[in-house]
PDB file of N, CA and C in Angstrom:
ATOM      1  N   MET A   1     160.359  95.939 105.898  1.00  0.00           N
ATOM      2  CA  MET A   1     159.169  96.573 105.265  1.00  0.00           C
ATOM      3  C   MET A   1     158.001  96.442 106.220  1.00  0.00           C
ATOM      4  N   LYS A   2     157.257  97.511 106.486  1.00  0.00           N
ATOM      5  CA  LYS A   2     156.077  97.558 107.286  1.00  0.00           C
ATOM      6  C   LYS A   2     155.021  96.614 106.743  1.00  0.00           C
ATOM      7  N   GLU A   3     154.246  95.896 107.667  1.00  0.00           N
ATOM      8  CA  GLU A   3     153.260  95.053 107.259  1.00  0.00           C
ATOM      9  C   GLU A   3     152.123  95.927 106.846  1.00  0.00           C
ATOM     10  N   MET A   4     151.360  95.492 105.892  1.00  0.00           N
ATOM     11  CA  MET A   4     150.179  96.307 105.308  1.00  0.00           C
ATOM     12  C   MET A   4     149.011  96.247 106.309  1.00  0.00           C
ATOM     13  N   SER A   5     148.390  97.246 106.707  1.00  0.00           N
ATOM     14  CA  SER A   5     147.161  97.293 107.634  1.00  0.00           C
ATOM     15  C   SER A   5     146.029  96.729 106.874  1.00  0.00           C
ATOM     16  N   ASN A   6     145.025  96.331 107.681  1.00  0.00           N
ATOM     17  CA  ASN A   6     143.806  95.711 107.252  1.00  0.00           C
ATOM     18  C   ASN A   6     143.084  96.832 106.399  1.00  0.00           C
ATOM     19  N   PHE A   7     143.158  98.062 106.779  1.00  0.00           N
ATOM     20  CA  PHE A   7     142.540  99.172 106.080  1.00  0.00           C
ATOM     21  C   PHE A   7     143.195  99.239 104.669  1.00  0.00           C
ATOM     22  N   ASP A   8     144.532  99.206 104.628  1.00  0.00           N
ATOM     23  CA  ASP A   8     145.294  99.311 103.325  1.00  0.00           C
ATOM     24  C   ASP A   8     144.977  98.065 102.510  1.00  0.00           C
ATOM     25  N   ARG A   9     144.875  96.939 103.020  1.00  0.00           N
ATOM     26  CA  ARG A   9     144.508  95.707 102.178  1.00  0.00           C
ATOM     27  C   ARG A   9     143.110  95.917 101.592  1.00  0.00           C
ATOM     28  N   VAL A  10     142.141  96.366 102.334  1.00  0.00           N
ATOM     29  CA  VAL A  10     140.777  96.519 101.824  1.00  0.00           C
ATOM     30  C   VAL A  10     140.713  97.638 100.737  1.00  0.00           C
ATOM     31  N   THR A  11     141.394  98.662 101.038  1.00  0.00           N
ATOM     32  CA  THR A  11     141.292  99.723 100.090  1.00  0.00           C
ATOM     33  C   THR A  11     141.939  99.431  98.765  1.00  0.00           C
ATOM     34  N   GLU A  12     143.158  98.652  98.803  1.00  0.00           N
ATOM     35  CA  GLU A  12     143.739  98.174  97.638  1.00  0.00           C
ATOM     36  C   GLU A  12     142.865  97.228  96.843  1.00  0.00           C
ATOM     37  N   LYS A  13     142.182  96.322  97.572  1.00  0.00           N
ATOM     38  CA  LYS A  13     141.242  95.475  96.904  1.00  0.00           C
ATOM     39  C   LYS A  13     140.032  96.237  96.289  1.00  0.00           C
ATOM     40  N   LEU A  14     139.632  97.308  96.963  1.00  0.00           N
ATOM     41  CA  LEU A  14     138.529  97.999  96.516  1.00  0.00           C
ATOM     42  C   LEU A  14     138.862  98.692  95.174  1.00  0.00           C
ATOM     43  N   GLU A  15     140.106  99.173  95.053  1.00  0.00           N
ATOM     44  CA  GLU A  15     140.526  99.713  93.858  1.00  0.00           C
ATOM     45  C   GLU A  15     140.465  98.666  92.687  1.00  0.00           C
ATOM     46  N   GLU A  16     140.927  97.458  93.003  1.00  0.00           N
ATOM     47  CA  GLU A  16     140.944  96.372  92.019  1.00  0.00           C
ATOM     48  C   GLU A  16     139.524  96.052  91.565  1.00  0.00           C
ATOM     49  N   CYS A  17     138.598  96.097  92.541  1.00  0.00           N
ATOM     50  CA  CYS A  17     137.251  95.561  92.226  1.00  0.00           C
ATOM     51  C   CYS A  17     136.274  96.692  91.730  1.00  0.00           C
ATOM     52  N   SER A  18     136.721  97.867  91.637  1.00  0.00           N
ATOM     53  CA  SER A  18     135.911  98.957  91.255  1.00  0.00           C
ATOM     54  C   SER A  18     136.564  99.998  90.362  1.00  0.00           C
ATOM     55  N   ALA A  19     135.885 100.978  89.944  1.00  0.00           N
ATOM     56  CA  ALA A  19     136.550 102.041  89.238  1.00  0.00           C
ATOM     57  C   ALA A  19     137.141 103.111  89.946  1.00  0.00           C
ATOM     58  N   PHE A  20     137.251 102.897  91.357  1.00  0.00           N
ATOM     59  CA  PHE A  20     137.791 103.876  92.206  1.00  0.00           C
ATOM     60  C   PHE A  20     139.275 103.998  92.021  1.00  0.00           C
ATOM     61  N   ASN A  21     139.763 105.185  92.216  1.00  0.00           N
ATOM     62  CA  ASN A  21     141.278 105.294  92.219  1.00  0.00           C
ATOM     63  C   ASN A  21     141.684 105.252  93.795  1.00  0.00           C
ATOM     64  N   ARG A  22     142.919 105.364  94.154  1.00  0.00           N
ATOM     65  CA  ARG A  22     143.341 105.109  95.484  1.00  0.00           C
ATOM     66  C   ARG A  22     142.703 105.991  96.411  1.00  0.00           C
ATOM     67  N   LEU A  23     142.512 107.254  96.079  1.00  0.00           N
ATOM     68  CA  LEU A  23     141.905 108.316  97.043  1.00  0.00           C
ATOM     69  C   LEU A  23     140.499 107.960  97.154  1.00  0.00           C
ATOM     70  N   GLU A  24     139.816 107.716  96.132  1.00  0.00           N
ATOM     71  CA  GLU A  24     138.351 107.415  96.264  1.00  0.00           C
ATOM     72  C   GLU A  24     138.096 106.185  97.135  1.00  0.00           C
ATOM     73  N   ALA A  25     138.880 105.106  96.905  1.00  0.00           N
ATOM     74  CA  ALA A  25     138.716 103.947  97.757  1.00  0.00           C
ATOM     75  C   ALA A  25     138.986 104.230  99.126  1.00  0.00           C
ATOM     76  N   ARG A  26     140.071 104.912  99.401  1.00  0.00           N
ATOM     77  CA  ARG A  26     140.424 105.196 100.919  1.00  0.00           C
ATOM     78  C   ARG A  26     139.361 106.132 101.437  1.00  0.00           C
ATOM     79  N   GLY A  27     138.850 107.083 100.776  1.00  0.00           N
ATOM     80  CA  GLY A  27     137.921 108.041 101.229  1.00  0.00           C
ATOM     81  C   GLY A  27     136.622 107.423 101.546  1.00  0.00           C
ATOM     82  N   THR A  28     136.069 106.591 100.723  1.00  0.00           N
ATOM     83  CA  THR A  28     134.845 105.942 100.832  1.00  0.00           C
ATOM     84  C   THR A  28     134.835 104.998 102.081  1.00  0.00           C
ATOM     85  N   LEU A  29     135.910 104.209 102.237  1.00  0.00           N
ATOM     86  CA  LEU A  29     135.985 103.239 103.353  1.00  0.00           C
ATOM     87  C   LEU A  29     136.139 104.121 104.692  1.00  0.00           C
ATOM     88  N   ARG A  30     136.843 105.162 104.628  1.00  0.00           N
ATOM     89  CA  ARG A  30     137.055 106.020 105.825  1.00  0.00           C
ATOM     90  C   ARG A  30     135.709 106.730 106.223  1.00  0.00           C
ATOM     91  N   ILE A  31     134.919 107.090 105.368  1.00  0.00           N
ATOM     92  CA  ILE A  31     133.583 107.581 105.623  1.00  0.00           C
ATOM     93  C   ILE A  31     132.647 106.512 106.352  1.00  0.00           C
ATOM     94  N   ALA A  32     132.747 105.356 105.820  1.00  0.00           N
ATOM     95  CA  ALA A  32     131.903 104.309 106.415  1.00  0.00           C
ATOM     96  C   ALA A  32     132.354 103.874 107.884  1.00  0.00           C
ATOM     97  N   LEU A  33     133.733 104.008 107.958  1.00  0.00           N
ATOM     98  CA  LEU A  33     134.299 103.635 109.302  1.00  0.00           C
ATOM     99  C   LEU A  33     133.914 104.754 110.268  1.00  0.00           C
ATOM    100  N   LYS A  34     134.044 105.986 109.847  1.00  0.00           N
ATOM    101  CA  LYS A  34     133.697 107.136 110.665  1.00  0.00           C
ATOM    102  C   LYS A  34     132.237 107.105 111.110  1.00  0.00           C
ATOM    103  N   GLU A  35     131.404 106.784 110.068  1.00  0.00           N
ATOM    104  CA  GLU A  35     129.999 106.682 110.422  1.00  0.00           C
ATOM    105  C   GLU A  35     129.743 105.637 111.613  1.00  0.00           C
ATOM    106  N   SER A  36     130.594 104.626 111.641  1.00  0.00           N
ATOM    107  CA  SER A  36     130.437 103.477 112.622  1.00  0.00           C
ATOM    108  C   SER A  36     131.235 103.799 113.865  1.00  0.00           C
ATOM    109  N   GLY A  37     131.922 104.898 113.911  1.00  0.00           N
ATOM    110  CA  GLY A  37     132.707 105.280 115.125  1.00  0.00           C
ATOM    111  C   GLY A  37     134.037 104.655 115.271  1.00  0.00           C
ATOM    112  N   PHE A  38     134.626 104.208 114.091  1.00  0.00           N
ATOM    113  CA  PHE A  38     135.890 103.631 114.143  1.00  0.00           C
ATOM    114  C   PHE A  38     136.883 104.416 113.424  1.00  0.00           C
ATOM    115  N   ASP A  39     138.176 104.299 113.588  1.00  0.00           N
ATOM    116  CA  ASP A  39     139.255 105.010 112.889  1.00  0.00           C
ATOM    117  C   ASP A  39     140.079 103.968 112.211  1.00  0.00           C
ATOM    118  N   ALA A  40     140.394 104.371 110.891  1.00  0.00           N
ATOM    119  CA  ALA A  40     141.222 103.512 109.965  1.00  0.00           C
ATOM    120  C   ALA A  40     142.436 103.023 110.603  1.00  0.00           C
ATOM    121  N   LYS A  41     143.108 103.643 111.452  1.00  0.00           N
ATOM    122  CA  LYS A  41     144.389 103.328 111.990  1.00  0.00           C
ATOM    123  C   LYS A  41     144.252 102.247 113.092  1.00  0.00           C
ATOM    124  N   SER A  42     143.057 102.175 113.671  1.00  0.00           N
ATOM    125  CA  SER A  42     142.990 101.255 114.927  1.00  0.00           C
ATOM    126  C   SER A  42     141.773 100.294 114.680  1.00  0.00           C
ATOM    127  N   VAL A  43     141.095 100.195 113.630  1.00  0.00           N
ATOM    128  CA  VAL A  43     139.899  99.297 113.388  1.00  0.00           C
ATOM    129  C   VAL A  43     140.439  97.891 113.399  1.00  0.00           C
ATOM    130  N   ALA A  44     139.712  97.038 114.213  1.00  0.00           N
ATOM    131  CA  ALA A  44     140.140  95.555 114.245  1.00  0.00           C
ATOM    132  C   ALA A  44     139.484  94.918 113.099  1.00  0.00           C
ATOM    133  N   PRO A  45     140.068  93.717 112.715  1.00  0.00           N
ATOM    134  CA  PRO A  45     139.530  93.022 111.594  1.00  0.00           C
ATOM    135  C   PRO A  45     137.955  92.762 111.643  1.00  0.00           C
ATOM    136  N   ASP A  46     137.524  92.299 112.798  1.00  0.00           N
ATOM    137  CA  ASP A  46     136.096  91.998 112.999  1.00  0.00           C
ATOM    138  C   ASP A  46     135.218  93.174 112.776  1.00  0.00           C
ATOM    139  N   GLN A  47     135.822  94.287 113.364  1.00  0.00           N
ATOM    140  CA  GLN A  47     135.039  95.577 113.175  1.00  0.00           C
ATOM    141  C   GLN A  47     134.859  96.007 111.753  1.00  0.00           C
ATOM    142  N   LEU A  48     136.019  95.881 111.073  1.00  0.00           N
ATOM    143  CA  LEU A  48     136.077  96.233 109.627  1.00  0.00           C
ATOM    144  C   LEU A  48     135.266  95.353 108.747  1.00  0.00           C
ATOM    145  N   ARG A  49     135.207  94.125 109.129  1.00  0.00           N
ATOM    146  CA  ARG A  49     134.278  93.171 108.456  1.00  0.00           C
ATOM    147  C   ARG A  49     132.752  93.546 108.541  1.00  0.00           C
ATOM    148  N   VAL A  50     132.328  93.917 109.695  1.00  0.00           N
ATOM    149  CA  VAL A  50     130.941  94.316 109.959  1.00  0.00           C
ATOM    150  C   VAL A  50     130.637  95.593 109.135  1.00  0.00           C
ATOM    151  N   VAL A  51     131.577  96.624 109.153  1.00  0.00           N
ATOM    152  CA  VAL A  51     131.337  97.759 108.447  1.00  0.00           C
ATOM    153  C   VAL A  51     131.241  97.509 106.953  1.00  0.00           C
ATOM    154  N   ILE A  52     132.083  96.659 106.440  1.00  0.00           N
ATOM    155  CA  ILE A  52     132.035  96.283 104.943  1.00  0.00           C
ATOM    156  C   ILE A  52     130.707  95.600 104.619  1.00  0.00           C
ATOM    157  N   GLU A  53     130.364  94.638 105.428  1.00  0.00           N
ATOM    158  CA  GLU A  53     129.144  93.887 105.153  1.00  0.00           C
ATOM    159  C   GLU A  53     127.880  94.745 105.315  1.00  0.00           C
ATOM    160  N   LYS A  54     127.839  95.501 106.335  1.00  0.00           N
ATOM    161  CA  LYS A  54     126.576  96.178 106.690  1.00  0.00           C
ATOM    162  C   LYS A  54     126.522  97.733 106.173  1.00  0.00           C
ATOM    163  N   LEU A  55     127.508  98.404 106.072  1.00  0.00           N
ATOM    164  CA  LEU A  55     127.370  99.821 105.655  1.00  0.00           C
ATOM    165  C   LEU A  55     127.955 100.131 104.254  1.00  0.00           C
ATOM    166  N   LEU A  56     129.109  99.550 103.975  1.00  0.00           N
ATOM    167  CA  LEU A  56     129.762  99.876 102.753  1.00  0.00           C
ATOM    168  C   LEU A  56     128.842  99.602 101.455  1.00  0.00           C
ATOM    169  N   PRO A  57     128.141  98.522 101.394  1.00  0.00           N
ATOM    170  CA  PRO A  57     127.337  98.358 100.099  1.00  0.00           C
ATOM    171  C   PRO A  57     126.476  99.633  99.746  1.00  0.00           C
ATOM    172  N   GLN A  58     125.946 100.279 100.665  1.00  0.00           N
ATOM    173  CA  GLN A  58     125.117 101.446 100.342  1.00  0.00           C
ATOM    174  C   GLN A  58     125.965 102.680  99.835  1.00  0.00           C
ATOM    175  N   HIS A  59     127.243 102.841 100.457  1.00  0.00           N
ATOM    176  CA  HIS A  59     128.186 103.761 100.060  1.00  0.00           C
ATOM    177  C   HIS A  59     128.512 103.553  98.650  1.00  0.00           C
ATOM    178  N   LEU A  60     128.861 102.278  98.269  1.00  0.00           N
ATOM    179  CA  LEU A  60     129.233 101.881  96.914  1.00  0.00           C
ATOM    180  C   LEU A  60     128.125 102.203  95.961  1.00  0.00           C
ATOM    181  N   ARG A  61     126.857 101.790  96.227  1.00  0.00           N
ATOM    182  CA  ARG A  61     125.705 102.107  95.534  1.00  0.00           C
ATOM    183  C   ARG A  61     125.586 103.501  95.240  1.00  0.00           C
ATOM    184  N   ASP A  62     125.687 104.302  96.283  1.00  0.00           N
ATOM    185  CA  ASP A  62     125.555 105.875  96.074  1.00  0.00           C
ATOM    186  C   ASP A  62     126.666 106.371  95.210  1.00  0.00           C
ATOM    187  N   ARG A  63     127.574 105.624  94.957  1.00  0.00           N
ATOM    188  CA  ARG A  63     128.819 106.096  94.155  1.00  0.00           C
ATOM    189  C   ARG A  63     128.833 105.404  92.715  1.00  0.00           C
ATOM    190  N   GLY A  64     127.814 104.682  92.460  1.00  0.00           N
ATOM    191  CA  GLY A  64     127.577 104.074  91.137  1.00  0.00           C
ATOM    192  C   GLY A  64     128.379 102.825  90.897  1.00  0.00           C
ATOM    193  N   ILE A  65     128.863 102.226  91.986  1.00  0.00           N
ATOM    194  CA  ILE A  65     129.536 100.936  91.750  1.00  0.00           C
ATOM    195  C   ILE A  65     128.587  99.741  91.474  1.00  0.00           C
ATOM    196  N   PRO A  66     128.699  99.103  90.401  1.00  0.00           N
ATOM    197  CA  PRO A  66     127.726  97.966  90.087  1.00  0.00           C
ATOM    198  C   PRO A  66     128.122  96.710  91.103  1.00  0.00           C
ATOM    199  N   ALA A  67     127.027  96.033  91.416  1.00  0.00           N
ATOM    200  CA  ALA A  67     127.241  94.837  92.271  1.00  0.00           C
ATOM    201  C   ALA A  67     127.959  95.122  93.670  1.00  0.00           C
ATOM    202  N   PRO A  68     127.440  96.073  94.342  1.00  0.00           N
ATOM    203  CA  PRO A  68     128.179  96.391  95.513  1.00  0.00           C
ATOM    204  C   PRO A  68     128.224  95.190  96.521  1.00  0.00           C
ATOM    205  N   GLU A  69     127.367  94.326  96.637  1.00  0.00           N
ATOM    206  CA  GLU A  69     127.348  93.212  97.459  1.00  0.00           C
ATOM    207  C   GLU A  69     128.439  92.286  97.188  1.00  0.00           C
ATOM    208  N   GLU A  70     128.637  92.040  95.969  1.00  0.00           N
ATOM    209  CA  GLU A  70     129.813  91.083  95.352  1.00  0.00           C
ATOM    210  C   GLU A  70     131.104  91.767  95.716  1.00  0.00           C
ATOM    211  N   VAL A  71     131.269  93.123  95.426  1.00  0.00           N
ATOM    212  CA  VAL A  71     132.501  93.787  95.754  1.00  0.00           C
ATOM    213  C   VAL A  71     132.899  93.691  97.250  1.00  0.00           C
ATOM    214  N   CYS A  72     131.828  93.800  98.111  1.00  0.00           N
ATOM    215  CA  CYS A  72     131.965  93.800  99.539  1.00  0.00           C
ATOM    216  C   CYS A  72     132.391  92.274  99.965  1.00  0.00           C
ATOM    217  N   ARG A  73     131.877  91.302  99.301  1.00  0.00           N
ATOM    218  CA  ARG A  73     132.257  89.878  99.612  1.00  0.00           C
ATOM    219  C   ARG A  73     133.767  89.792  99.264  1.00  0.00           C
ATOM    220  N   GLN A  74     134.209  90.328  98.238  1.00  0.00           N
ATOM    221  CA  GLN A  74     135.665  90.182  97.900  1.00  0.00           C
ATOM    222  C   GLN A  74     136.525  91.018  98.864  1.00  0.00           C
ATOM    223  N   LEU A  75     135.986  92.162  99.297  1.00  0.00           N
ATOM    224  CA  LEU A  75     136.868  92.895 100.306  1.00  0.00           C
ATOM    225  C   LEU A  75     136.903  92.191 101.702  1.00  0.00           C
ATOM    226  N   VAL A  76     135.749  91.505 102.007  1.00  0.00           N
ATOM    227  CA  VAL A  76     135.870  90.744 103.317  1.00  0.00           C
ATOM    228  C   VAL A  76     136.912  89.691 103.138  1.00  0.00           C
ATOM    229  N   GLY A  77     137.061  89.079 101.984  1.00  0.00           N
ATOM    230  CA  GLY A  77     138.085  88.014 101.787  1.00  0.00           C
ATOM    231  C   GLY A  77     139.473  88.585 101.847  1.00  0.00           C
ATOM    232  N   ALA A  78     139.606  89.845 101.783  1.00  0.00           N
ATOM    233  CA  ALA A  78     140.964  90.498 101.866  1.00  0.00           C
ATOM    234  C   ALA A  78     141.519  90.721 103.402  1.00  0.00           C
ATOM    235  N   ILE A  79     140.506  90.509 104.262  1.00  0.00           N
ATOM    236  CA  ILE A  79     140.881  90.654 105.700  1.00  0.00           C
ATOM    237  C   ILE A  79     141.201  89.391 106.283  1.00  0.00           C
ATOM    238  N   PRO A  80     142.412  89.262 106.847  1.00  0.00           N
ATOM    239  CA  PRO A  80     142.881  88.094 107.597  1.00  0.00           C
ATOM    240  C   PRO A  80     142.003  87.790 108.682  1.00  0.00           C
ATOM    241  N   GLN A  81     141.799  86.423 108.865  1.00  0.00           N
ATOM    242  CA  GLN A  81     140.898  85.949 110.017  1.00  0.00           C
ATOM    243  C   GLN A  81     141.630  86.387 111.317  1.00  0.00           C
ATOM    244  N   ALA A  82     140.668  86.793 112.199  1.00  0.00           N
ATOM    245  CA  ALA A  82     141.284  87.123 113.612  1.00  0.00           C
ATOM    246  C   ALA A  82     140.544  86.450 114.679  1.00  0.00           C
ATOM    247  N   GLY A  83     140.994  86.616 115.912  1.00  0.00           N
ATOM    248  CA  GLY A  83     140.293  86.059 117.093  1.00  0.00           C
ATOM    249  C   GLY A  83     138.997  86.627 117.341  1.00  0.00           C
ATOM    250  N   SER A  84     138.316  86.148 118.193  1.00  0.00           N
ATOM    251  CA  SER A  84     136.838  86.567 118.479  1.00  0.00           C
ATOM    252  C   SER A  84     136.811  88.001 118.974  1.00  0.00           C
ATOM    253  N   GLY A  85     137.823  88.494 119.475  1.00  0.00           N
ATOM    254  CA  GLY A  85     138.006  89.950 119.905  1.00  0.00           C
ATOM    255  C   GLY A  85     137.174  90.177 121.196  1.00  0.00           C
ATOM    256  N   ASP A  86     137.004  91.451 121.593  1.00  0.00           N
ATOM    257  CA  ASP A  86     136.316  91.858 122.769  1.00  0.00           C
ATOM    258  C   ASP A  86     134.802  91.828 122.559  1.00  0.00           C
ATOM    259  N   ALA A  87     134.132  91.436 123.522  1.00  0.00           N
ATOM    260  CA  ALA A  87     132.618  91.209 123.410  1.00  0.00           C
ATOM    261  C   ALA A  87     132.050  92.698 123.065  1.00  0.00           C
ATOM    262  N   ASN A  88     132.726  93.756 123.368  1.00  0.00           N
ATOM    263  CA  ASN A  88     132.121  95.045 123.132  1.00  0.00           C
ATOM    264  C   ASN A  88     132.277  95.442 121.592  1.00  0.00           C
ATOM    265  N   ASP A  89     132.976  94.532 120.871  1.00  0.00           N
ATOM    266  CA  ASP A  89     133.191  94.633 119.393  1.00  0.00           C
ATOM    267  C   ASP A  89     132.467  93.653 118.601  1.00  0.00           C
ATOM    268  N   SER A  90     131.605  92.947 119.314  1.00  0.00           N
ATOM    269  CA  SER A  90     130.821  92.015 118.541  1.00  0.00           C
ATOM    270  C   SER A  90     129.840  92.753 117.534  1.00  0.00           C
ATOM    271  N   PRO A  91     129.390  92.012 116.472  1.00  0.00           N
ATOM    272  CA  PRO A  91     128.429  92.773 115.516  1.00  0.00           C
ATOM    273  C   PRO A  91     127.246  93.352 116.199  1.00  0.00           C
ATOM    274  N   GLU A  92     126.793  92.684 117.326  1.00  0.00           N
ATOM    275  CA  GLU A  92     125.645  93.297 118.025  1.00  0.00           C
ATOM    276  C   GLU A  92     125.964  94.466 118.817  1.00  0.00           C
ATOM    277  N   ALA A  93     127.166  94.564 119.339  1.00  0.00           N
ATOM    278  CA  ALA A  93     127.615  95.716 120.096  1.00  0.00           C
ATOM    279  C   ALA A  93     127.862  96.862 119.161  1.00  0.00           C
ATOM    280  N   ILE A  94     128.355  96.603 118.025  1.00  0.00           N
ATOM    281  CA  ILE A  94     128.682  97.659 117.026  1.00  0.00           C
ATOM    282  C   ILE A  94     127.417  98.297 116.592  1.00  0.00           C
ATOM    283  N   PHE A  95     126.449  97.495 116.234  1.00  0.00           N
ATOM    284  CA  PHE A  95     125.144  97.957 115.717  1.00  0.00           C
ATOM    285  C   PHE A  95     124.379  98.781 116.885  1.00  0.00           C
ATOM    286  N   ALA A  96     124.622  98.281 118.086  1.00  0.00           N
ATOM    287  CA  ALA A  96     123.922  98.936 119.189  1.00  0.00           C
ATOM    288  C   ALA A  96     124.541 100.416 119.290  1.00  0.00           C
ATOM    289  N   ARG A  97     125.897 100.421 119.147  1.00  0.00           N
ATOM    290  CA  ARG A  97     126.416 101.854 119.148  1.00  0.00           C
ATOM    291  C   ARG A  97     125.922 102.721 117.933  1.00  0.00           C
ATOM    292  N   LEU A  98     125.770 102.006 116.738  1.00  0.00           N
ATOM    293  CA  LEU A  98     125.332 102.723 115.666  1.00  0.00           C
ATOM    294  C   LEU A  98     123.901 103.302 115.901  1.00  0.00           C
ATOM    295  N   GLY A  99     123.096 102.507 116.571  1.00  0.00           N
ATOM    296  CA  GLY A  99     121.615 102.807 116.781  1.00  0.00           C
ATOM    297  C   GLY A  99     121.596 104.048 117.808  1.00  0.00           C
ATOM    298  N   SER A 100     122.709 104.320 118.553  1.00  0.00           N
ATOM    299  CA  SER A 100     122.523 105.291 119.569  1.00  0.00           C
ATOM    300  C   SER A 100     122.972 106.656 119.070  1.00  0.00           C
ATOM    301  N   HIS A 101     123.362 106.715 117.739  1.00  0.00           N
ATOM    302  CA  HIS A 101     123.819 107.966 117.197  1.00  0.00           C
ATOM    303  C   HIS A 101     122.630 108.685 116.550  1.00  0.00           C
TER     304      HIS A 101
END
């Protein structure tokens, strides 16, 4: 059986923590990732974590999800811990890229 991706883990958890169905959860997270310049198929755990912490709360708020910050804390908990990753993917580097759009 294929291992579940981080994207799939997070969207499954988002379904559990909100009134979203599968399609809504996946679509909302994909929009936040795309806004950040990432693809759901290749996003690294650290990158996904930053998107959830910094961008997803507003997307959830816009869609009427109560307590979006708490939901996002639970989503971050669904992501396995990873190594430090590439310096180009640090939170600072990610936000520098976001600022350039």
